[in-house]
Amino acid sequence: MAKHTHPTGPKTRPKGAGGRPPNTPDGVIGKRLAALMAERQINQSELSRLTDIPQARISNLIRGKVANPLPHRLAAMCRALGVSLTEFFDPLTTEERDAYCAGAVAVAAVPMNGVSPGELRDVADAFAEISPRYAATMRDLIRE
């Protein structure tokens, strides 16, 4: 069977394409989420119930099977776990924070159904402490 090649060359999707943030190094977001859940004795089913995020999505995130959560979903999980986004990212390195935030900024440039401007502003405010490098870009995208 012959391979189909696009007239302008092979079609490839960059990491993070399709409206999803790229993974941080070593799936650190999922590992951090799992650690907070263990500390608070909240299982995946309970977190799903508290956030309206499907349990399968939470499981896949923790196991490193999917890209990082969208910013508003990460914010919802943090609220359910009783931590701020800033507290969530505290133990991460600058590289890990920037990797997540770069993807989140890319996602903010794509209209997201069901995400209010207020939710995105809250995330942008948290970015000011998490990754100042991306905070201004996120705020600019929200204003557009």
N, C-alpha and C. Protein backbone atom coordinates (compact mmCIF):
# COMPACT_ATOMS: atom_id res chain seq x y z
N MET A 1 0.85 -1.17 0.00
CA MET A 1 0.00 0.00 0.00
C MET A 1 0.90 1.23 0.00
N ALA A 2 0.60 2.19 -0.88
CA ALA A 2 1.40 3.41 -1.00
C ALA A 2 1.03 4.40 0.09
N LYS A 3 2.05 5.09 0.54
CA LYS A 3 1.81 6.13 1.54
C LYS A 3 1.28 7.37 0.86
N HIS A 4 0.29 8.00 1.46
CA HIS A 4 -0.24 9.25 0.93
C HIS A 4 0.63 10.39 1.45
N THR A 5 1.08 11.22 0.53
CA THR A 5 1.89 12.38 0.92
C THR A 5 1.14 13.64 0.52
N HIS A 6 1.06 14.55 1.43
CA HIS A 6 0.41 15.84 1.16
C HIS A 6 1.23 16.58 0.11
N PRO A 7 0.58 17.33 -0.82
CA PRO A 7 1.31 18.03 -1.89
C PRO A 7 2.41 18.97 -1.38
N THR A 8 2.24 19.52 -0.19
CA THR A 8 3.26 20.44 0.33
C THR A 8 4.26 19.72 1.23
N GLY A 9 4.21 18.42 1.24
CA GLY A 9 5.12 17.65 2.09
C GLY A 9 4.32 16.86 3.12
N PRO A 10 5.02 16.06 3.91
CA PRO A 10 4.31 15.25 4.90
C PRO A 10 3.64 16.15 5.93
N LYS A 11 2.44 15.75 6.31
CA LYS A 11 1.71 16.51 7.33
C LYS A 11 2.10 15.97 8.70
N THR A 12 2.66 16.82 9.50
CA THR A 12 3.00 16.42 10.86
C THR A 12 2.37 17.42 11.81
N ARG A 13 2.03 16.94 12.97
CA ARG A 13 1.45 17.80 13.98
C ARG A 13 2.49 18.06 15.05
N PRO A 14 2.75 19.34 15.34
CA PRO A 14 3.73 19.62 16.38
C PRO A 14 3.22 19.17 17.73
N LYS A 15 4.14 18.92 18.64
CA LYS A 15 3.77 18.52 19.98
C LYS A 15 2.83 19.56 20.54
N GLY A 16 1.72 19.10 21.07
CA GLY A 16 0.76 20.02 21.64
C GLY A 16 -0.30 20.46 20.64
N ALA A 17 -0.25 19.97 19.41
CA ALA A 17 -1.24 20.38 18.41
C ALA A 17 -2.60 19.84 18.80
N GLY A 18 -3.61 20.43 18.23
CA GLY A 18 -4.95 19.95 18.50
C GLY A 18 -5.53 20.56 19.77
N GLY A 19 -4.96 21.65 20.25
CA GLY A 19 -5.53 22.32 21.39
C GLY A 19 -5.14 21.73 22.73
N ARG A 20 -4.10 20.98 22.79
CA ARG A 20 -3.66 20.38 24.04
C ARG A 20 -2.27 20.88 24.40
N PRO A 21 -2.04 21.20 25.68
CA PRO A 21 -0.69 21.59 26.07
C PRO A 21 0.27 20.42 25.90
N PRO A 22 1.52 20.69 25.54
CA PRO A 22 2.48 19.60 25.46
C PRO A 22 2.77 19.06 26.85
N ASN A 23 3.23 17.84 26.91
CA ASN A 23 3.59 17.26 28.20
C ASN A 23 4.78 17.98 28.80
N THR A 24 4.76 18.11 30.08
CA THR A 24 5.93 18.60 30.78
C THR A 24 6.91 17.44 30.85
N PRO A 25 8.17 17.71 31.14
CA PRO A 25 9.14 16.62 31.21
C PRO A 25 8.70 15.52 32.18
N ASP A 26 8.81 14.28 31.74
CA ASP A 26 8.54 13.11 32.57
C ASP A 26 7.14 13.06 33.17
N GLY A 27 6.15 13.68 32.51
CA GLY A 27 4.78 13.62 33.02
C GLY A 27 4.63 14.16 34.43
N VAL A 28 5.38 15.18 34.75
CA VAL A 28 5.45 15.70 36.12
C VAL A 28 4.10 16.20 36.63
N ILE A 29 3.23 16.68 35.77
CA ILE A 29 1.92 17.17 36.21
C ILE A 29 1.11 16.01 36.80
N GLY A 30 1.08 14.89 36.11
CA GLY A 30 0.37 13.72 36.61
C GLY A 30 0.95 13.21 37.92
N LYS A 31 2.27 13.22 38.02
CA LYS A 31 2.92 12.76 39.26
C LYS A 31 2.57 13.69 40.42
N ARG A 32 2.57 15.00 40.15
CA ARG A 32 2.24 15.97 41.20
C ARG A 32 0.79 15.80 41.63
N LEU A 33 -0.10 15.61 40.68
CA LEU A 33 -1.51 15.39 40.98
C LEU A 33 -1.69 14.14 41.85
N ALA A 34 -1.02 13.06 41.49
CA ALA A 34 -1.12 11.81 42.25
C ALA A 34 -0.62 12.01 43.68
N ALA A 35 0.47 12.75 43.85
CA ALA A 35 1.01 12.99 45.20
C ALA A 35 0.02 13.79 46.05
N LEU A 36 -0.59 14.81 45.47
CA LEU A 36 -1.57 15.61 46.22
C LEU A 36 -2.80 14.78 46.57
N MET A 37 -3.23 13.95 45.65
CA MET A 37 -4.39 13.09 45.92
C MET A 37 -4.07 12.14 47.08
N ALA A 38 -2.88 11.56 47.08
CA ALA A 38 -2.49 10.65 48.15
C ALA A 38 -2.42 11.37 49.50
N GLU A 39 -1.83 12.57 49.50
CA GLU A 39 -1.73 13.36 50.74
C GLU A 39 -3.11 13.64 51.32
N ARG A 40 -4.07 13.90 50.46
CA ARG A 40 -5.42 14.28 50.90
C ARG A 40 -6.37 13.09 50.96
N GLN A 41 -5.87 11.92 50.64
CA GLN A 41 -6.65 10.69 50.64
C GLN A 41 -7.91 10.82 49.78
N ILE A 42 -7.71 11.36 48.59
CA ILE A 42 -8.79 11.49 47.61
C ILE A 42 -8.44 10.58 46.44
N ASN A 43 -9.37 9.67 46.11
CA ASN A 43 -9.10 8.78 44.98
C ASN A 43 -9.61 9.40 43.68
N GLN A 44 -9.33 8.72 42.58
CA GLN A 44 -9.69 9.24 41.27
C GLN A 44 -11.20 9.42 41.13
N SER A 45 -11.95 8.50 41.65
CA SER A 45 -13.41 8.58 41.56
C SER A 45 -13.93 9.82 42.29
N GLU A 46 -13.41 10.07 43.46
CA GLU A 46 -13.83 11.24 44.24
C GLU A 46 -13.43 12.54 43.54
N LEU A 47 -12.21 12.59 43.02
CA LEU A 47 -11.77 13.79 42.31
C LEU A 47 -12.64 14.02 41.07
N SER A 48 -12.99 12.96 40.39
CA SER A 48 -13.87 13.07 39.23
C SER A 48 -15.22 13.64 39.64
N ARG A 49 -15.77 13.14 40.72
CA ARG A 49 -17.06 13.62 41.21
C ARG A 49 -17.00 15.10 41.59
N LEU A 50 -15.92 15.51 42.23
CA LEU A 50 -15.76 16.89 42.68
C LEU A 50 -15.53 17.88 41.54
N THR A 51 -14.99 17.40 40.43
CA THR A 51 -14.60 18.29 39.34
C THR A 51 -15.40 18.13 38.06
N ASP A 52 -16.20 17.09 37.95
CA ASP A 52 -16.90 16.76 36.71
C ASP A 52 -15.93 16.46 35.57
N ILE A 53 -14.74 16.02 35.91
CA ILE A 53 -13.76 15.57 34.93
C ILE A 53 -13.83 14.05 34.92
N PRO A 54 -13.99 13.43 33.76
CA PRO A 54 -14.11 11.98 33.72
C PRO A 54 -12.94 11.28 34.43
N GLN A 55 -13.28 10.23 35.18
CA GLN A 55 -12.26 9.48 35.90
C GLN A 55 -11.20 8.93 34.96
N ALA A 56 -11.61 8.51 33.78
CA ALA A 56 -10.64 7.97 32.81
C ALA A 56 -9.60 9.03 32.44
N ARG A 57 -10.03 10.28 32.31
CA ARG A 57 -9.10 11.35 31.96
C ARG A 57 -8.10 11.57 33.10
N ILE A 58 -8.59 11.54 34.34
CA ILE A 58 -7.71 11.70 35.50
C ILE A 58 -6.73 10.55 35.56
N SER A 59 -7.22 9.34 35.36
CA SER A 59 -6.36 8.15 35.38
C SER A 59 -5.28 8.24 34.31
N ASN A 60 -5.67 8.61 33.11
CA ASN A 60 -4.70 8.71 32.02
C ASN A 60 -3.66 9.79 32.28
N LEU A 61 -4.06 10.88 32.90
CA LEU A 61 -3.12 11.93 33.25
C LEU A 61 -2.10 11.43 34.26
N ILE A 62 -2.58 10.76 35.29
CA ILE A 62 -1.70 10.25 36.34
C ILE A 62 -0.73 9.21 35.78
N ARG A 63 -1.21 8.38 34.87
CA ARG A 63 -0.36 7.34 34.28
C ARG A 63 0.52 7.84 33.15
N GLY A 64 0.39 9.14 32.81
CA GLY A 64 1.21 9.70 31.74
C GLY A 64 0.78 9.27 30.36
N LYS A 65 -0.47 8.85 30.22
CA LYS A 65 -0.96 8.35 28.94
C LYS A 65 -1.51 9.46 28.04
N VAL A 66 -1.77 10.62 28.60
CA VAL A 66 -2.31 11.74 27.82
C VAL A 66 -1.52 13.00 28.14
N ALA A 67 -1.76 14.01 27.31
CA ALA A 67 -1.12 15.31 27.52
C ALA A 67 -1.63 15.92 28.82
N ASN A 68 -0.98 16.95 29.23
CA ASN A 68 -1.37 17.65 30.45
C ASN A 68 -2.80 18.16 30.36
N PRO A 69 -3.42 18.40 31.51
CA PRO A 69 -4.80 18.89 31.48
C PRO A 69 -4.87 20.32 30.96
N LEU A 70 -6.00 20.65 30.38
CA LEU A 70 -6.24 22.03 29.98
C LEU A 70 -6.21 22.90 31.23
N PRO A 71 -5.86 24.17 31.09
CA PRO A 71 -5.70 25.04 32.27
C PRO A 71 -6.92 25.09 33.18
N HIS A 72 -8.12 25.19 32.61
CA HIS A 72 -9.30 25.28 33.47
C HIS A 72 -9.56 23.96 34.20
N ARG A 73 -9.18 22.85 33.61
CA ARG A 73 -9.34 21.56 34.30
C ARG A 73 -8.32 21.42 35.42
N LEU A 74 -7.09 21.84 35.17
CA LEU A 74 -6.09 21.80 36.23
C LEU A 74 -6.52 22.69 37.39
N ALA A 75 -7.06 23.87 37.07
CA ALA A 75 -7.54 24.78 38.12
C ALA A 75 -8.66 24.12 38.92
N ALA A 76 -9.56 23.42 38.25
CA ALA A 76 -10.67 22.74 38.94
C ALA A 76 -10.14 21.64 39.86
N MET A 77 -9.15 20.88 39.40
CA MET A 77 -8.58 19.82 40.24
C MET A 77 -7.87 20.42 41.45
N CYS A 78 -7.17 21.53 41.23
CA CYS A 78 -6.50 22.19 42.35
C CYS A 78 -7.51 22.66 43.39
N ARG A 79 -8.60 23.28 42.93
CA ARG A 79 -9.64 23.72 43.87
C ARG A 79 -10.18 22.55 44.67
N ALA A 80 -10.45 21.43 43.99
CA ALA A 80 -11.00 20.25 44.67
C ALA A 80 -10.01 19.69 45.69
N LEU A 81 -8.72 19.84 45.42
CA LEU A 81 -7.68 19.34 46.33
C LEU A 81 -7.30 20.37 47.39
N GLY A 82 -7.89 21.55 47.31
CA GLY A 82 -7.62 22.57 48.32
C GLY A 82 -6.27 23.24 48.19
N VAL A 83 -5.75 23.32 46.96
CA VAL A 83 -4.47 24.01 46.73
C VAL A 83 -4.66 25.02 45.61
N SER A 84 -3.87 26.07 45.64
CA SER A 84 -3.88 27.04 44.55
C SER A 84 -3.01 26.50 43.42
N LEU A 85 -3.16 27.09 42.25
CA LEU A 85 -2.27 26.71 41.15
C LEU A 85 -0.82 26.99 41.52
N THR A 86 -0.60 28.08 42.24
CA THR A 86 0.76 28.41 42.66
C THR A 86 1.33 27.31 43.56
N GLU A 87 0.53 26.84 44.52
CA GLU A 87 0.98 25.75 45.39
C GLU A 87 1.21 24.47 44.61
N PHE A 88 0.35 24.22 43.62
CA PHE A 88 0.51 23.02 42.79
C PHE A 88 1.87 23.02 42.11
N PHE A 89 2.26 24.18 41.57
CA PHE A 89 3.50 24.28 40.80
C PHE A 89 4.74 24.54 41.65
N ASP A 90 4.58 24.85 42.94
CA ASP A 90 5.74 25.18 43.79
C ASP A 90 6.90 24.20 43.68
N PRO A 91 6.68 22.89 43.77
CA PRO A 91 7.83 21.98 43.73
C PRO A 91 8.43 21.75 42.35
N LEU A 92 7.82 22.28 41.31
CA LEU A 92 8.31 22.06 39.95
C LEU A 92 9.45 23.02 39.61
N THR A 93 10.29 22.60 38.70
CA THR A 93 11.39 23.45 38.24
C THR A 93 10.85 24.51 37.28
N THR A 94 11.65 25.52 37.03
CA THR A 94 11.26 26.56 36.07
C THR A 94 11.00 25.94 34.71
N GLU A 95 11.83 24.99 34.29
CA GLU A 95 11.64 24.33 33.00
C GLU A 95 10.29 23.61 32.95
N GLU A 96 9.94 22.91 34.02
CA GLU A 96 8.68 22.18 34.06
C GLU A 96 7.49 23.14 34.04
N ARG A 97 7.59 24.23 34.78
CA ARG A 97 6.51 25.22 34.80
C ARG A 97 6.35 25.84 33.41
N ASP A 98 7.46 26.24 32.82
CA ASP A 98 7.41 26.87 31.51
C ASP A 98 6.87 25.93 30.44
N ALA A 99 7.21 24.66 30.53
CA ALA A 99 6.71 23.68 29.55
C ALA A 99 5.19 23.60 29.61
N TYR A 100 4.64 23.55 30.82
CA TYR A 100 3.19 23.51 30.95
C TYR A 100 2.57 24.82 30.46
N CYS A 101 3.10 25.93 30.92
CA CYS A 101 2.52 27.23 30.59
C CYS A 101 2.61 27.54 29.10
N ALA A 102 3.66 27.12 28.43
CA ALA A 102 3.78 27.34 26.99
C ALA A 102 2.63 26.65 26.27
N GLY A 103 2.33 25.45 26.69
CA GLY A 103 1.22 24.72 26.09
C GLY A 103 -0.11 25.35 26.42
N ALA A 104 -0.26 25.83 27.65
CA ALA A 104 -1.51 26.46 28.07
C ALA A 104 -1.76 27.74 27.30
N VAL A 105 -0.70 28.49 27.03
CA VAL A 105 -0.83 29.70 26.23
C VAL A 105 -1.30 29.34 24.83
N ALA A 106 -0.74 28.29 24.26
CA ALA A 106 -1.16 27.84 22.92
C ALA A 106 -2.64 27.46 22.93
N VAL A 107 -3.09 26.82 23.99
CA VAL A 107 -4.48 26.43 24.10
C VAL A 107 -5.38 27.65 24.22
N ALA A 108 -4.94 28.66 24.96
CA ALA A 108 -5.76 29.86 25.15
C ALA A 108 -5.99 30.59 23.84
N ALA A 109 -5.12 30.37 22.88
CA ALA A 109 -5.27 31.02 21.57
C ALA A 109 -6.37 30.36 20.75
N VAL A 110 -6.80 29.18 21.16
CA VAL A 110 -7.85 28.44 20.48
C VAL A 110 -9.13 28.57 21.31
N PRO A 111 -10.24 28.96 20.69
CA PRO A 111 -11.48 29.08 21.48
C PRO A 111 -11.81 27.75 22.17
N MET A 112 -12.12 27.84 23.45
CA MET A 112 -12.47 26.64 24.22
C MET A 112 -13.93 26.72 24.65
N ASN A 113 -14.73 25.80 24.20
CA ASN A 113 -16.13 25.77 24.58
C ASN A 113 -16.26 25.52 26.08
N GLY A 114 -17.11 26.31 26.71
CA GLY A 114 -17.40 26.10 28.11
C GLY A 114 -16.39 26.69 29.07
N VAL A 115 -15.39 27.41 28.60
CA VAL A 115 -14.41 28.02 29.47
C VAL A 115 -14.68 29.51 29.49
N SER A 116 -15.01 30.02 30.66
CA SER A 116 -15.35 31.43 30.76
C SER A 116 -14.10 32.29 30.73
N PRO A 117 -14.24 33.54 30.29
CA PRO A 117 -13.10 34.46 30.36
C PRO A 117 -12.59 34.61 31.79
N GLY A 118 -13.49 34.53 32.77
CA GLY A 118 -13.08 34.62 34.17
C GLY A 118 -12.15 33.48 34.57
N GLU A 119 -12.48 32.25 34.11
CA GLU A 119 -11.61 31.11 34.40
C GLU A 119 -10.23 31.30 33.78
N LEU A 120 -10.21 31.78 32.54
CA LEU A 120 -8.92 32.00 31.89
C LEU A 120 -8.14 33.13 32.58
N ARG A 121 -8.84 34.17 33.03
CA ARG A 121 -8.16 35.25 33.76
C ARG A 121 -7.55 34.73 35.06
N ASP A 122 -8.28 33.84 35.76
CA ASP A 122 -7.75 33.25 36.99
C ASP A 122 -6.46 32.48 36.71
N VAL A 123 -6.47 31.74 35.61
CA VAL A 123 -5.28 30.99 35.23
C VAL A 123 -4.14 31.94 34.88
N ALA A 124 -4.46 33.01 34.14
CA ALA A 124 -3.43 33.99 33.77
C ALA A 124 -2.84 34.65 35.02
N ASP A 125 -3.69 34.93 36.00
CA ASP A 125 -3.19 35.51 37.25
C ASP A 125 -2.23 34.55 37.95
N ALA A 126 -2.59 33.28 37.95
CA ALA A 126 -1.71 32.28 38.57
C ALA A 126 -0.40 32.18 37.81
N PHE A 127 -0.46 32.35 36.48
CA PHE A 127 0.76 32.28 35.68
C PHE A 127 1.77 33.34 36.10
N ALA A 128 1.28 34.47 36.61
CA ALA A 128 2.19 35.54 37.03
C ALA A 128 3.19 35.03 38.07
N GLU A 129 2.74 34.10 38.90
CA GLU A 129 3.63 33.51 39.90
C GLU A 129 4.27 32.22 39.41
N ILE A 130 3.53 31.46 38.62
CA ILE A 130 4.02 30.17 38.16
C ILE A 130 5.12 30.34 37.12
N SER A 131 4.84 31.16 36.11
CA SER A 131 5.77 31.34 34.99
C SER A 131 5.61 32.75 34.45
N PRO A 132 6.27 33.72 35.05
CA PRO A 132 6.15 35.10 34.59
C PRO A 132 6.41 35.26 33.10
N ARG A 133 7.24 34.39 32.56
CA ARG A 133 7.58 34.44 31.13
C ARG A 133 6.33 34.35 30.26
N TYR A 134 5.33 33.59 30.70
CA TYR A 134 4.14 33.36 29.89
C TYR A 134 2.91 34.13 30.38
N ALA A 135 2.98 34.77 31.53
CA ALA A 135 1.81 35.45 32.09
C ALA A 135 1.30 36.57 31.18
N ALA A 136 2.18 37.43 30.69
CA ALA A 136 1.76 38.54 29.85
C ALA A 136 1.15 38.04 28.54
N THR A 137 1.72 37.00 27.97
CA THR A 137 1.19 36.44 26.73
C THR A 137 -0.21 35.91 26.95
N MET A 138 -0.41 35.22 28.07
CA MET A 138 -1.73 34.67 28.37
C MET A 138 -2.74 35.81 28.53
N ARG A 139 -2.39 36.84 29.25
CA ARG A 139 -3.30 37.98 29.45
C ARG A 139 -3.64 38.64 28.10
N ASP A 140 -2.66 38.79 27.25
CA ASP A 140 -2.91 39.39 25.93
C ASP A 140 -3.89 38.56 25.11
N LEU A 141 -3.74 37.24 25.17
CA LEU A 141 -4.63 36.35 24.42
C LEU A 141 -6.07 36.44 24.96
N ILE A 142 -6.21 36.57 26.26
CA ILE A 142 -7.54 36.63 26.86
C ILE A 142 -8.25 37.92 26.46
N ARG A 143 -7.49 38.99 26.33
CA ARG A 143 -8.08 40.30 25.97
C ARG A 143 -8.57 40.33 24.54
N GLU A 144 -8.03 39.49 23.68
CA GLU A 144 -8.41 39.52 22.25
C GLU A 144 -9.82 39.03 22.03
